[in-house]
C-alpha atoms as a PDB file:
ATOM      1  CA  MET A   1       1.310  -3.425  28.334  1.00  0.00           C
ATOM      2  CA  GLY A   2      -0.413  -2.913  24.880  1.00  0.00           C
ATOM      3  CA  LEU A   3      -3.244  -1.020  23.551  1.00  0.00           C
ATOM      4  CA  ARG A   4      -6.814  -2.252  24.740  1.00  0.00           C
ATOM      5  CA  LEU A   5      -8.881  -3.508  21.864  1.00  0.00           C
ATOM      6  CA  ASP A   6     -11.246  -0.407  21.807  1.00  0.00           C
ATOM      7  CA  GLU A   7      -8.168   1.953  21.741  1.00  0.00           C
ATOM      8  CA  TRP A   8      -6.434   0.013  19.010  1.00  0.00           C
ATOM      9  CA  LYS A   9      -9.745  -0.099  16.902  1.00  0.00           C
ATOM     10  CA  GLU A  10     -10.173   3.673  17.427  1.00  0.00           C
ATOM     11  CA  ARG A  11      -6.500   4.311  16.368  1.00  0.00           C
ATOM     12  CA  TYR A  12      -6.915   1.900  13.424  1.00  0.00           C
ATOM     13  CA  GLU A  13     -10.184   3.114  11.969  1.00  0.00           C
ATOM     14  CA  ASN A  14     -10.358   6.828  12.931  1.00  0.00           C
ATOM     15  CA  ARG A  15      -6.994   8.377  13.568  1.00  0.00           C
ATOM     16  CA  GLU A  16      -6.088  10.025  10.222  1.00  0.00           C
ATOM     17  CA  ILE A  17      -2.135  10.325  10.301  1.00  0.00           C
ATOM     18  CA  VAL A  18      -0.758   9.426   6.775  1.00  0.00           C
ATOM     19  CA  ASN A  19      -0.488  12.366   4.290  1.00  0.00           C
ATOM     20  CA  ILE A  20      -0.376  10.549   0.984  1.00  0.00           C
ATOM     21  CA  LYS A  21       0.885  13.701  -0.904  1.00  0.00           C
ATOM     22  CA  ASN A  22       3.722  14.230   1.598  1.00  0.00           C
ATOM     23  CA  GLU A  23       4.614  10.619   1.538  1.00  0.00           C
ATOM     24  CA  PHE A  24       4.820   9.853  -2.205  1.00  0.00           C
ATOM     25  CA  THR A  25       6.306  11.744  -5.192  1.00  0.00           C
ATOM     26  CA  ILE A  26       3.804  12.820  -8.200  1.00  0.00           C
ATOM     27  CA  ASN A  27       5.191   9.884 -10.251  1.00  0.00           C
ATOM     28  CA  GLU A  28       4.351   7.368  -7.331  1.00  0.00           C
ATOM     29  CA  LEU A  29       0.988   8.720  -6.919  1.00  0.00           C
ATOM     30  CA  ALA A  30       0.438   8.349 -10.911  1.00  0.00           C
ATOM     31  CA  LEU A  31       1.803   4.852 -10.477  1.00  0.00           C
ATOM     32  CA  LEU A  32      -0.604   4.136  -7.692  1.00  0.00           C
ATOM     33  CA  GLN A  33      -3.511   5.308 -10.058  1.00  0.00           C
ATOM     34  CA  LYS A  34      -2.276   3.039 -12.902  1.00  0.00           C
ATOM     35  CA  LEU A  35      -2.494   0.121 -10.452  1.00  0.00           C
ATOM     36  CA  GLY A  36      -6.125   1.037  -9.864  1.00  0.00           C
ATOM     37  CA  VAL A  37      -5.774   2.505  -6.350  1.00  0.00           C
ATOM     38  CA  GLU A  38      -8.356   5.277  -5.894  1.00  0.00           C
ATOM     39  CA  LEU A  39      -6.526   8.185  -4.129  1.00  0.00           C
ATOM     40  CA  ILE A  40      -8.326  10.456  -1.829  1.00  0.00           C
ATOM     41  CA  ASP A  41      -7.148  13.995  -0.871  1.00  0.00           C
ATOM     42  CA  LYS A  42      -7.125  13.513   2.766  1.00  0.00           C
ATOM     43  CA  LEU A  43      -5.155  12.104   5.774  1.00  0.00           C
ATOM     44  CA  TYR A  44      -5.375   8.384   5.759  1.00  0.00           C
ATOM     45  CA  THR A  45      -6.122   6.148   8.687  1.00  0.00           C
ATOM     46  CA  GLU A  46      -4.008   2.959   9.306  1.00  0.00           C
ATOM     47  CA  ARG A  47      -7.082   0.789   7.843  1.00  0.00           C
ATOM     48  CA  GLU A  48      -7.164   3.192   4.673  1.00  0.00           C
ATOM     49  CA  PHE A  49      -3.446   2.738   4.327  1.00  0.00           C
ATOM     50  CA  GLU A  50      -3.638  -0.995   4.750  1.00  0.00           C
ATOM     51  CA  ILE A  51      -6.332  -1.230   2.078  1.00  0.00           C
ATOM     52  CA  LEU A  52      -4.010   0.736  -0.417  1.00  0.00           C
ATOM     53  CA  ASP A  53      -1.115  -1.579   0.561  1.00  0.00           C
ATOM     54  CA  MET A  54      -3.423  -4.649  -0.174  1.00  0.00           C
ATOM     55  CA  LYS A  55      -4.382  -3.340  -3.412  1.00  0.00           C
ATOM     56  CA  VAL A  56      -0.716  -2.689  -4.631  1.00  0.00           C
ATOM     57  CA  ILE A  57       0.313  -6.193  -3.130  1.00  0.00           C
ATOM     58  CA  SER A  58      -2.079  -7.877  -5.270  1.00  0.00           C
ATOM     59  CA  TYR A  59       0.313  -7.221  -8.316  1.00  0.00           C
ATOM     60  CA  TYR A  60       3.395  -8.804  -6.394  1.00  0.00           C
ATOM     61  CA  TYR A  61       5.166 -11.643  -8.270  1.00  0.00           C
ATOM     62  CA  GLU A  62       8.308 -13.502  -7.650  1.00  0.00           C
ATOM     63  CA  ASP A  63       9.898 -16.141  -9.695  1.00  0.00           C
ATOM     64  CA  THR A  64      10.287 -18.398  -6.576  1.00  0.00           C
ATOM     65  CA  MET A  65       6.421 -18.365  -6.060  1.00  0.00           C
ATOM     66  CA  SER A  66       4.514 -21.696  -6.363  1.00  0.00           C
ATOM     67  CA  ASN A  67       2.449 -22.088  -9.515  1.00  0.00           C
ATOM     68  CA  ASP A  68      -0.762 -21.558  -7.457  1.00  0.00           C
ATOM     69  CA  GLU A  69       0.629 -18.276  -6.067  1.00  0.00           C
ATOM     70  CA  LYS A  70       1.662 -17.187  -9.519  1.00  0.00           C
ATOM     71  CA  ALA A  71      -1.922 -17.848 -10.943  1.00  0.00           C
ATOM     72  CA  GLU A  72      -3.340 -15.441  -8.139  1.00  0.00           C
ATOM     73  CA  CYS A  73      -1.156 -12.508  -9.123  1.00  0.00           C
ATOM     74  CA  ILE A  74      -2.497  -9.881 -11.279  1.00  0.00           C
ATOM     75  CA  PRO A  75      -0.327  -8.849 -14.254  1.00  0.00           C
ATOM     76  CA  LEU A  76       1.005  -5.317 -14.061  1.00  0.00           C
ATOM     77  CA  PRO A  77      -0.835  -2.743 -16.253  1.00  0.00           C
ATOM     78  CA  GLU A  78       0.648  -1.720 -19.475  1.00  0.00           C
ATOM     79  CA  GLY A  79       3.291   0.969 -18.933  1.00  0.00           C
ATOM     80  CA  VAL A  80       4.176  -0.037 -15.355  1.00  0.00           C
ATOM     81  CA  SER A  81       7.559  -1.724 -15.116  1.00  0.00           C
ATOM     82  CA  ARG A  82       8.451  -4.301 -12.435  1.00  0.00           C
ATOM     83  CA  GLU A  83      11.174  -1.975 -11.159  1.00  0.00           C
ATOM     84  CA  GLU A  84       8.870   0.894 -10.709  1.00  0.00           C
ATOM     85  CA  TYR A  85       6.320  -1.514  -8.889  1.00  0.00           C
ATOM     86  CA  ASN A  86       9.057  -3.069  -6.700  1.00  0.00           C
ATOM     87  CA  ASN A  87      10.091   0.612  -5.581  1.00  0.00           C
ATOM     88  CA  LEU A  88       6.635   1.384  -4.728  1.00  0.00           C
ATOM     89  CA  VAL A  89       6.324  -1.710  -2.612  1.00  0.00           C
ATOM     90  CA  ASP A  90       9.574  -0.797  -0.815  1.00  0.00           C
ATOM     91  CA  LYS A  91       8.194   2.683  -0.226  1.00  0.00           C
ATOM     92  CA  ILE A  92       4.875   1.531   1.179  1.00  0.00           C
ATOM     93  CA  HIS A  93       6.794  -0.787   3.536  1.00  0.00           C
ATOM     94  CA  ALA A  94       8.875   2.023   4.744  1.00  0.00           C
ATOM     95  CA  ILE A  95       5.873   4.238   5.301  1.00  0.00           C
ATOM     96  CA  ASN A  96       4.212   1.264   7.421  1.00  0.00           C
ATOM     97  CA  LEU A  97       7.626   1.041   9.420  1.00  0.00           C
ATOM     98  CA  LYS A  98       7.576   4.866   9.860  1.00  0.00           C
ATOM     99  CA  TYR A  99       4.076   4.855  11.476  1.00  0.00           C
ATOM    100  CA  GLY A 100       4.460   1.666  13.214  1.00  0.00           C
ATOM    101  CA  PHE A 101       1.738  -0.371  11.234  1.00  0.00           C
END
């Protein structure tokens, strides 16, 4: 039996569990800022971490995407390589798995 909606909502919106400074390196934190992610020195809730994830994923790009999908992608900022970005996406995915998001 899963969580009731009110329990899930409480956990999702209010339970602060992800310590950003412990999960990311200094270079990864700097990369997040280059991508326009406003970082707050606090424990993140699942909701806050999801917002961070969505901001980062807006830069996602693959050659196999349709032209419409490619048109919606935001180009990476100057000084951010696709490899750095892809590693950051992998890290965020790992954090999501770690916390069961």
